[in-house]
C-alpha atoms as a PDB file:
ATOM      1  CA  UNK A   1      76.119  14.247  -0.541  1.00  0.00           C
ATOM      2  CA  UNK A   2      74.700  12.745   2.660  1.00  0.00           C
ATOM      3  CA  UNK A   3      74.476  14.457   6.041  1.00  0.00           C
ATOM      4  CA  UNK A   4      77.095  12.136   7.527  1.00  0.00           C
ATOM      5  CA  UNK A   5      79.543  12.866   4.723  1.00  0.00           C
ATOM      6  CA  UNK A   6      79.191  16.591   5.403  1.00  0.00           C
ATOM      7  CA  UNK A   7      79.464  15.939   9.164  1.00  0.00           C
ATOM      8  CA  UNK A   8      82.682  13.934   8.733  1.00  0.00           C
ATOM      9  CA  UNK A   9      84.410  15.847   5.932  1.00  0.00           C
ATOM     10  CA  UNK A  10      82.496  19.112   5.509  1.00  0.00           C
ATOM     11  CA  UNK A  11      80.827  20.326   2.342  1.00  0.00           C
ATOM     12  CA  UNK A  12      83.942  21.917   0.841  1.00  0.00           C
ATOM     13  CA  UNK A  13      86.173  19.149   2.133  1.00  0.00           C
ATOM     14  CA  UNK A  14      84.078  16.552   0.348  1.00  0.00           C
ATOM     15  CA  UNK A  15      83.718  18.674  -2.770  1.00  0.00           C
ATOM     16  CA  UNK A  16      87.360  19.688  -3.253  1.00  0.00           C
ATOM     17  CA  UNK A  17      89.310  17.454  -0.876  1.00  0.00           C
ATOM     18  CA  UNK A  18      90.416  14.861  -3.439  1.00  0.00           C
ATOM     19  CA  UNK A  19      92.935  17.331  -4.948  1.00  0.00           C
ATOM     20  CA  UNK A  20      92.245  15.841  -8.376  1.00  0.00           C
ATOM     21  CA  UNK A  21      93.004  19.168 -10.023  1.00  0.00           C
ATOM     22  CA  UNK A  22      94.833  22.407  -9.336  1.00  0.00           C
ATOM     23  CA  UNK A  23      91.457  24.133  -9.228  1.00  0.00           C
ATOM     24  CA  UNK A  24      90.325  21.836  -6.419  1.00  0.00           C
ATOM     25  CA  UNK A  25      93.468  22.634  -4.450  1.00  0.00           C
ATOM     26  CA  UNK A  26      92.919  26.374  -4.870  1.00  0.00           C
ATOM     27  CA  UNK A  27      89.257  26.157  -3.873  1.00  0.00           C
ATOM     28  CA  UNK A  28      90.122  23.950  -0.884  1.00  0.00           C
ATOM     29  CA  UNK A  29      92.625  26.392   0.585  1.00  0.00           C
ATOM     30  CA  UNK A  30      90.496  29.403  -0.332  1.00  0.00           C
ATOM     31  CA  UNK A  31      87.742  27.807   1.720  1.00  0.00           C
ATOM     32  CA  UNK A  32      90.064  27.530   4.700  1.00  0.00           C
ATOM     33  CA  UNK A  33      91.084  31.192   4.339  1.00  0.00           C
ATOM     34  CA  UNK A  34      87.437  32.272   4.272  1.00  0.00           C
ATOM     35  CA  UNK A  35      86.740  30.037   7.272  1.00  0.00           C
ATOM     36  CA  UNK A  36      89.623  31.606   9.232  1.00  0.00           C
ATOM     37  CA  UNK A  37      88.418  35.145   8.471  1.00  0.00           C
ATOM     38  CA  UNK A  38      84.793  34.382   9.370  1.00  0.00           C
ATOM     39  CA  UNK A  39      85.806  32.662  12.591  1.00  0.00           C
ATOM     40  CA  UNK A  40      88.059  35.547  13.593  1.00  0.00           C
ATOM     41  CA  UNK A  41      85.226  38.029  12.994  1.00  0.00           C
ATOM     42  CA  UNK A  42      82.788  35.898  15.007  1.00  0.00           C
ATOM     43  CA  UNK A  43      85.333  35.706  17.825  1.00  0.00           C
ATOM     44  CA  UNK A  44      85.810  39.474  17.698  1.00  0.00           C
ATOM     45  CA  UNK A  45      82.231  40.001  18.869  1.00  0.00           C
ATOM     46  CA  UNK A  46      83.324  40.429  22.484  1.00  0.00           C
ATOM     47  CA  UNK A  47      80.339  39.915  24.752  1.00  0.00           C
ATOM     48  CA  UNK A  48      82.066  41.238  27.864  1.00  0.00           C
ATOM     49  CA  UNK A  49      82.832  44.601  26.272  1.00  0.00           C
ATOM     50  CA  UNK A  50      79.345  44.949  24.790  1.00  0.00           C
ATOM     51  CA  UNK A  51      77.548  44.062  28.023  1.00  0.00           C
ATOM     52  CA  UNK A  52      79.793  46.140  30.255  1.00  0.00           C
ATOM     53  CA  UNK A  53      79.061  49.237  28.193  1.00  0.00           C
ATOM     54  CA  UNK A  54      75.370  48.589  28.789  1.00  0.00           C
ATOM     55  CA  UNK A  55      76.096  48.410  32.519  1.00  0.00           C
ATOM     56  CA  UNK A  56      77.977  51.688  32.417  1.00  0.00           C
ATOM     57  CA  UNK A  57      81.741  51.392  31.921  1.00  0.00           C
ATOM     58  CA  UNK A  58      83.921  49.315  29.607  1.00  0.00           C
ATOM     59  CA  UNK A  59      85.058  46.275  31.584  1.00  0.00           C
ATOM     60  CA  UNK A  60      88.586  46.696  30.208  1.00  0.00           C
ATOM     61  CA  UNK A  61      89.007  49.804  32.382  1.00  0.00           C
ATOM     62  CA  UNK A  62      88.199  47.936  35.593  1.00  0.00           C
ATOM     63  CA  UNK A  63      89.617  45.099  37.663  1.00  0.00           C
ATOM     64  CA  UNK A  64      92.079  42.988  35.717  1.00  0.00           C
ATOM     65  CA  UNK A  65      91.290  44.842  32.492  1.00  0.00           C
ATOM     66  CA  UNK A  66      90.232  41.614  30.772  1.00  0.00           C
ATOM     67  CA  UNK A  67      86.945  41.360  28.887  1.00  0.00           C
ATOM     68  CA  UNK A  68      85.952  37.938  30.168  1.00  0.00           C
ATOM     69  CA  UNK A  69      83.638  36.082  32.515  1.00  0.00           C
ATOM     70  CA  UNK A  70      85.766  36.241  35.676  1.00  0.00           C
ATOM     71  CA  UNK A  71      86.329  39.987  35.526  1.00  0.00           C
ATOM     72  CA  UNK A  72      82.640  40.562  34.706  1.00  0.00           C
ATOM     73  CA  UNK A  73      81.702  38.500  37.770  1.00  0.00           C
ATOM     74  CA  UNK A  74      83.988  40.519  39.992  1.00  0.00           C
ATOM     75  CA  UNK A  75      82.928  43.934  38.686  1.00  0.00           C
ATOM     76  CA  UNK A  76      79.291  43.624  37.580  1.00  0.00           C
ATOM     77  CA  UNK A  77      78.064  40.505  39.356  1.00  0.00           C
ATOM     78  CA  UNK A  78      76.636  37.090  38.567  1.00  0.00           C
ATOM     79  CA  UNK A  79      74.049  38.091  35.977  1.00  0.00           C
ATOM     80  CA  UNK A  80      76.589  39.955  33.876  1.00  0.00           C
ATOM     81  CA  UNK A  81      79.045  37.073  34.202  1.00  0.00           C
ATOM     82  CA  UNK A  82      76.456  34.480  33.129  1.00  0.00           C
ATOM     83  CA  UNK A  83      75.413  36.549  30.115  1.00  0.00           C
ATOM     84  CA  UNK A  84      79.053  37.051  29.122  1.00  0.00           C
ATOM     85  CA  UNK A  85      79.752  33.341  29.520  1.00  0.00           C
ATOM     86  CA  UNK A  86      76.724  32.344  27.431  1.00  0.00           C
ATOM     87  CA  UNK A  87      77.595  34.857  24.728  1.00  0.00           C
ATOM     88  CA  UNK A  88      81.171  33.597  24.495  1.00  0.00           C
ATOM     89  CA  UNK A  89      79.960  29.989  24.385  1.00  0.00           C
ATOM     90  CA  UNK A  90      77.464  30.736  21.621  1.00  0.00           C
ATOM     91  CA  UNK A  91      79.940  32.562  19.393  1.00  0.00           C
ATOM     92  CA  UNK A  92      82.551  29.801  19.826  1.00  0.00           C
ATOM     93  CA  UNK A  93      79.944  27.140  19.123  1.00  0.00           C
ATOM     94  CA  UNK A  94      78.849  29.036  16.008  1.00  0.00           C
ATOM     95  CA  UNK A  95      82.426  29.176  14.733  1.00  0.00           C
ATOM     96  CA  UNK A  96      82.877  25.435  15.332  1.00  0.00           C
ATOM     97  CA  UNK A  97      79.613  24.617  13.540  1.00  0.00           C
ATOM     98  CA  UNK A  98      80.620  26.755  10.557  1.00  0.00           C
ATOM     99  CA  UNK A  99      83.999  25.020  10.492  1.00  0.00           C
ATOM    100  CA  UNK A 100      82.420  21.594  10.646  1.00  0.00           C
ATOM    101  CA  UNK A 101      80.062  22.406   7.785  1.00  0.00           C
ATOM    102  CA  UNK A 102      83.004  23.664   5.712  1.00  0.00           C
ATOM    103  CA  UNK A 103      85.637  21.026   6.420  1.00  0.00           C
ATOM    104  CA  UNK A 104      84.371  18.521   8.980  1.00  0.00           C
ATOM    105  CA  UNK A 105      86.147  17.951  12.289  1.00  0.00           C
ATOM    106  CA  UNK A 106      89.398  19.589  11.154  1.00  0.00           C
ATOM    107  CA  UNK A 107      87.440  22.659  10.106  1.00  0.00           C
ATOM    108  CA  UNK A 108      85.925  22.855  13.583  1.00  0.00           C
ATOM    109  CA  UNK A 109      89.412  22.939  15.140  1.00  0.00           C
ATOM    110  CA  UNK A 110      90.675  25.592  12.737  1.00  0.00           C
ATOM    111  CA  UNK A 111      87.556  27.702  13.228  1.00  0.00           C
ATOM    112  CA  UNK A 112      87.907  27.371  16.990  1.00  0.00           C
ATOM    113  CA  UNK A 113      91.525  28.517  16.869  1.00  0.00           C
ATOM    114  CA  UNK A 114      90.750  31.669  14.896  1.00  0.00           C
ATOM    115  CA  UNK A 115      87.718  32.356  17.072  1.00  0.00           C
ATOM    116  CA  UNK A 116      90.052  32.318  20.094  1.00  0.00           C
ATOM    117  CA  UNK A 117      92.359  34.799  18.348  1.00  0.00           C
ATOM    118  CA  UNK A 118      89.372  37.043  17.636  1.00  0.00           C
ATOM    119  CA  UNK A 119      88.249  36.778  21.259  1.00  0.00           C
ATOM    120  CA  UNK A 120      91.686  37.811  22.525  1.00  0.00           C
ATOM    121  CA  UNK A 121      92.369  40.465  19.882  1.00  0.00           C
ATOM    122  CA  UNK A 122      88.956  41.665  18.627  1.00  0.00           C
ATOM    123  CA  UNK A 123      89.129  43.905  15.587  1.00  0.00           C
ATOM    124  CA  UNK A 124      85.904  45.643  16.664  1.00  0.00           C
ATOM    125  CA  UNK A 125      87.304  46.654  20.070  1.00  0.00           C
ATOM    126  CA  UNK A 126      90.871  47.873  19.447  1.00  0.00           C
ATOM    127  CA  UNK A 127      92.340  44.370  19.726  1.00  0.00           C
ATOM    128  CA  UNK A 128      91.818  44.117  23.503  1.00  0.00           C
ATOM    129  CA  UNK A 129      89.689  41.204  24.613  1.00  0.00           C
ATOM    130  CA  UNK A 130      89.637  38.186  26.922  1.00  0.00           C
ATOM    131  CA  UNK A 131      91.931  35.239  27.498  1.00  0.00           C
ATOM    132  CA  UNK A 132      90.140  32.559  25.506  1.00  0.00           C
ATOM    133  CA  UNK A 133      89.353  29.966  28.190  1.00  0.00           C
ATOM    134  CA  UNK A 134      85.625  29.804  27.429  1.00  0.00           C
ATOM    135  CA  UNK A 135      86.320  29.852  23.689  1.00  0.00           C
ATOM    136  CA  UNK A 136      88.761  26.927  23.757  1.00  0.00           C
ATOM    137  CA  UNK A 137      86.519  25.016  26.171  1.00  0.00           C
ATOM    138  CA  UNK A 138      83.608  25.367  23.769  1.00  0.00           C
ATOM    139  CA  UNK A 139      85.774  24.225  20.861  1.00  0.00           C
ATOM    140  CA  UNK A 140      86.748  21.162  22.900  1.00  0.00           C
ATOM    141  CA  UNK A 141      83.083  20.459  23.731  1.00  0.00           C
ATOM    142  CA  UNK A 142      82.034  20.778  20.090  1.00  0.00           C
ATOM    143  CA  UNK A 143      84.808  18.519  18.782  1.00  0.00           C
ATOM    144  CA  UNK A 144      85.434  15.931  21.545  1.00  0.00           C
ATOM    145  CA  UNK A 145      82.783  15.981  24.311  1.00  0.00           C
ATOM    146  CA  UNK A 146      84.470  13.176  26.271  1.00  0.00           C
ATOM    147  CA  UNK A 147      87.783  15.035  26.346  1.00  0.00           C
ATOM    148  CA  UNK A 148      85.876  18.150  27.423  1.00  0.00           C
ATOM    149  CA  UNK A 149      84.364  16.317  30.401  1.00  0.00           C
ATOM    150  CA  UNK A 150      87.790  15.016  31.458  1.00  0.00           C
ATOM    151  CA  UNK A 151      89.310  18.494  31.215  1.00  0.00           C
ATOM    152  CA  UNK A 152      86.368  20.040  33.067  1.00  0.00           C
ATOM    153  CA  UNK A 153      86.837  17.569  35.900  1.00  0.00           C
ATOM    154  CA  UNK A 154      90.542  18.407  36.155  1.00  0.00           C
ATOM    155  CA  UNK A 155      89.776  22.129  36.005  1.00  0.00           C
ATOM    156  CA  UNK A 156      87.277  21.901  38.874  1.00  0.00           C
ATOM    157  CA  UNK A 157      89.630  19.843  41.045  1.00  0.00           C
ATOM    158  CA  UNK A 158      92.404  22.429  40.651  1.00  0.00           C
ATOM    159  CA  UNK A 159      89.988  25.353  41.062  1.00  0.00           C
ATOM    160  CA  UNK A 160      88.475  24.082  44.307  1.00  0.00           C
ATOM    161  CA  UNK A 161      91.879  22.980  45.555  1.00  0.00           C
ATOM    162  CA  UNK A 162      93.779  26.236  44.934  1.00  0.00           C
ATOM    163  CA  UNK A 163      90.913  28.733  44.397  1.00  0.00           C
ATOM    164  CA  UNK A 164      92.663  30.299  41.402  1.00  0.00           C
ATOM    165  CA  UNK A 165      90.866  30.337  38.048  1.00  0.00           C
ATOM    166  CA  UNK A 166      94.075  31.294  36.267  1.00  0.00           C
ATOM    167  CA  UNK A 167      96.059  28.379  37.717  1.00  0.00           C
ATOM    168  CA  UNK A 168      93.322  25.904  36.813  1.00  0.00           C
ATOM    169  CA  UNK A 169      93.141  27.325  33.291  1.00  0.00           C
ATOM    170  CA  UNK A 170      96.887  27.182  32.685  1.00  0.00           C
ATOM    171  CA  UNK A 171      97.232  23.644  34.054  1.00  0.00           C
ATOM    172  CA  UNK A 172      94.351  22.382  31.908  1.00  0.00           C
ATOM    173  CA  UNK A 173      95.823  24.043  28.828  1.00  0.00           C
ATOM    174  CA  UNK A 174      99.172  22.375  29.499  1.00  0.00           C
ATOM    175  CA  UNK A 175      97.700  18.880  29.472  1.00  0.00           C
ATOM    176  CA  UNK A 176      94.869  19.353  26.943  1.00  0.00           C
ATOM    177  CA  UNK A 177      96.874  18.286  23.836  1.00  0.00           C
ATOM    178  CA  UNK A 178      98.204  15.202  25.654  1.00  0.00           C
ATOM    179  CA  UNK A 179      94.741  14.141  26.813  1.00  0.00           C
ATOM    180  CA  UNK A 180      93.363  14.768  23.316  1.00  0.00           C
ATOM    181  CA  UNK A 181      96.146  12.695  21.744  1.00  0.00           C
ATOM    182  CA  UNK A 182      95.542   9.767  24.086  1.00  0.00           C
ATOM    183  CA  UNK A 183      91.747   9.832  23.735  1.00  0.00           C
ATOM    184  CA  UNK A 184      91.475  10.383  19.967  1.00  0.00           C
ATOM    185  CA  UNK A 185      93.501   9.531  16.874  1.00  0.00           C
ATOM    186  CA  UNK A 186      96.802  11.082  15.750  1.00  0.00           C
ATOM    187  CA  UNK A 187      96.269  13.826  13.206  1.00  0.00           C
ATOM    188  CA  UNK A 188      96.685  17.512  12.378  1.00  0.00           C
ATOM    189  CA  UNK A 189      93.939  18.398  14.860  1.00  0.00           C
ATOM    190  CA  UNK A 190      96.454  17.657  17.633  1.00  0.00           C
ATOM    191  CA  UNK A 191      98.738  20.369  16.244  1.00  0.00           C
ATOM    192  CA  UNK A 192      95.862  22.865  16.236  1.00  0.00           C
ATOM    193  CA  UNK A 193      95.077  21.906  19.835  1.00  0.00           C
ATOM    194  CA  UNK A 194      98.732  22.534  20.765  1.00  0.00           C
ATOM    195  CA  UNK A 195      98.598  25.974  19.100  1.00  0.00           C
ATOM    196  CA  UNK A 196      95.360  26.805  20.937  1.00  0.00           C
ATOM    197  CA  UNK A 197      96.845  25.753  24.276  1.00  0.00           C
ATOM    198  CA  UNK A 198     100.093  27.667  23.775  1.00  0.00           C
ATOM    199  CA  UNK A 199      98.157  30.769  22.749  1.00  0.00           C
ATOM    200  CA  UNK A 200      95.897  30.697  25.811  1.00  0.00           C
ATOM    201  CA  UNK A 201      98.906  30.079  28.084  1.00  0.00           C
ATOM    202  CA  UNK A 202     100.649  33.048  26.430  1.00  0.00           C
ATOM    203  CA  UNK A 203      97.613  35.204  27.224  1.00  0.00           C
ATOM    204  CA  UNK A 204      97.984  34.152  30.872  1.00  0.00           C
ATOM    205  CA  UNK A 205     101.664  35.092  31.092  1.00  0.00           C
ATOM    206  CA  UNK A 206     101.048  37.891  33.613  1.00  0.00           C
ATOM    207  CA  UNK A 207      98.958  35.515  35.727  1.00  0.00           C
ATOM    208  CA  UNK A 208     101.786  32.961  35.651  1.00  0.00           C
ATOM    209  CA  UNK A 209     104.212  35.581  36.975  1.00  0.00           C
ATOM    210  CA  UNK A 210     101.827  36.467  39.814  1.00  0.00           C
ATOM    211  CA  UNK A 211     101.292  32.805  40.655  1.00  0.00           C
ATOM    212  CA  UNK A 212     105.047  32.304  40.854  1.00  0.00           C
ATOM    213  CA  UNK A 213     105.352  35.324  43.147  1.00  0.00           C
ATOM    214  CA  UNK A 214     102.374  34.187  45.277  1.00  0.00           C
ATOM    215  CA  UNK A 215     100.578  37.391  44.334  1.00  0.00           C
ATOM    216  CA  UNK A 216      97.682  35.952  42.351  1.00  0.00           C
ATOM    217  CA  UNK A 217      94.295  36.674  43.882  1.00  0.00           C
ATOM    218  CA  UNK A 218      92.002  33.809  44.760  1.00  0.00           C
ATOM    219  CA  UNK A 219      88.352  33.373  44.015  1.00  0.00           C
ATOM    220  CA  UNK A 220      86.007  33.342  46.982  1.00  0.00           C
ATOM    221  CA  UNK A 221      83.208  30.760  46.914  1.00  0.00           C
ATOM    222  CA  UNK A 222      80.069  32.180  48.442  1.00  0.00           C
ATOM    223  CA  UNK A 223      81.729  35.360  49.700  1.00  0.00           C
ATOM    224  CA  UNK A 224      81.505  38.714  48.003  1.00  0.00           C
ATOM    225  CA  UNK A 225      84.700  40.707  47.656  1.00  0.00           C
ATOM    226  CA  UNK A 226      84.660  44.225  49.061  1.00  0.00           C
ATOM    227  CA  UNK A 227      87.166  45.565  46.579  1.00  0.00           C
ATOM    228  CA  UNK A 228      86.473  45.513  42.858  1.00  0.00           C
ATOM    229  CA  UNK A 229      89.727  47.215  41.894  1.00  0.00           C
ATOM    230  CA  UNK A 230      93.170  45.888  41.133  1.00  0.00           C
ATOM    231  CA  UNK A 231      92.519  42.936  43.431  1.00  0.00           C
ATOM    232  CA  UNK A 232      90.743  41.446  40.484  1.00  0.00           C
ATOM    233  CA  UNK A 233      93.708  40.330  38.400  1.00  0.00           C
ATOM    234  CA  UNK A 234      92.513  36.798  37.869  1.00  0.00           C
ATOM    235  CA  UNK A 235      91.779  35.125  34.604  1.00  0.00           C
ATOM    236  CA  UNK A 236      89.341  36.119  31.917  1.00  0.00           C
END
């Protein structure tokens, strides 16, 4: 089996994907179940919670209560936010690589989806995590870099225009499946992308309510906030 065959179809996808026997079908779906479990466990390694405990207090007890990059930036500063961001990127990238090795591009999408679930509801930290923006962004980068660049551009335009990370995240999630559909080929990966987007939007439901009520806090570029308390109900 060549490298490109594994890259396109994954090792298990190439080995059992022809469904020539009932055994192949069983092994194929067993592989997907194992992939989902592994990806969820990888996603459950919540970098924000781990780092914040090193800094002193669990990040989920401060600010917005979310264990993500934005809340870490607001409470513990740039260094903590960068480390949290890099940790979340690495774990999401690892899940996507594992998925690709198992089942090719479709495996990367499935692994990314379950990694996002683990990030939001980590089994190691009482099922309270972040909101999955970095995780889904990394999945997009690992599967379709061109789509990622388009979505990043849209995200930055909205962020600098409205100064709300949550609004930019929700808007990008709304259009991600449509952009993916128009820039790639029709297939089941589009459905997974839709599920990822809906899940991340669901995690932002409280932010959406605050945006509607004009109560959502804005991010300040180059200015340090004086209050690190409830003013921090932003995104991750």
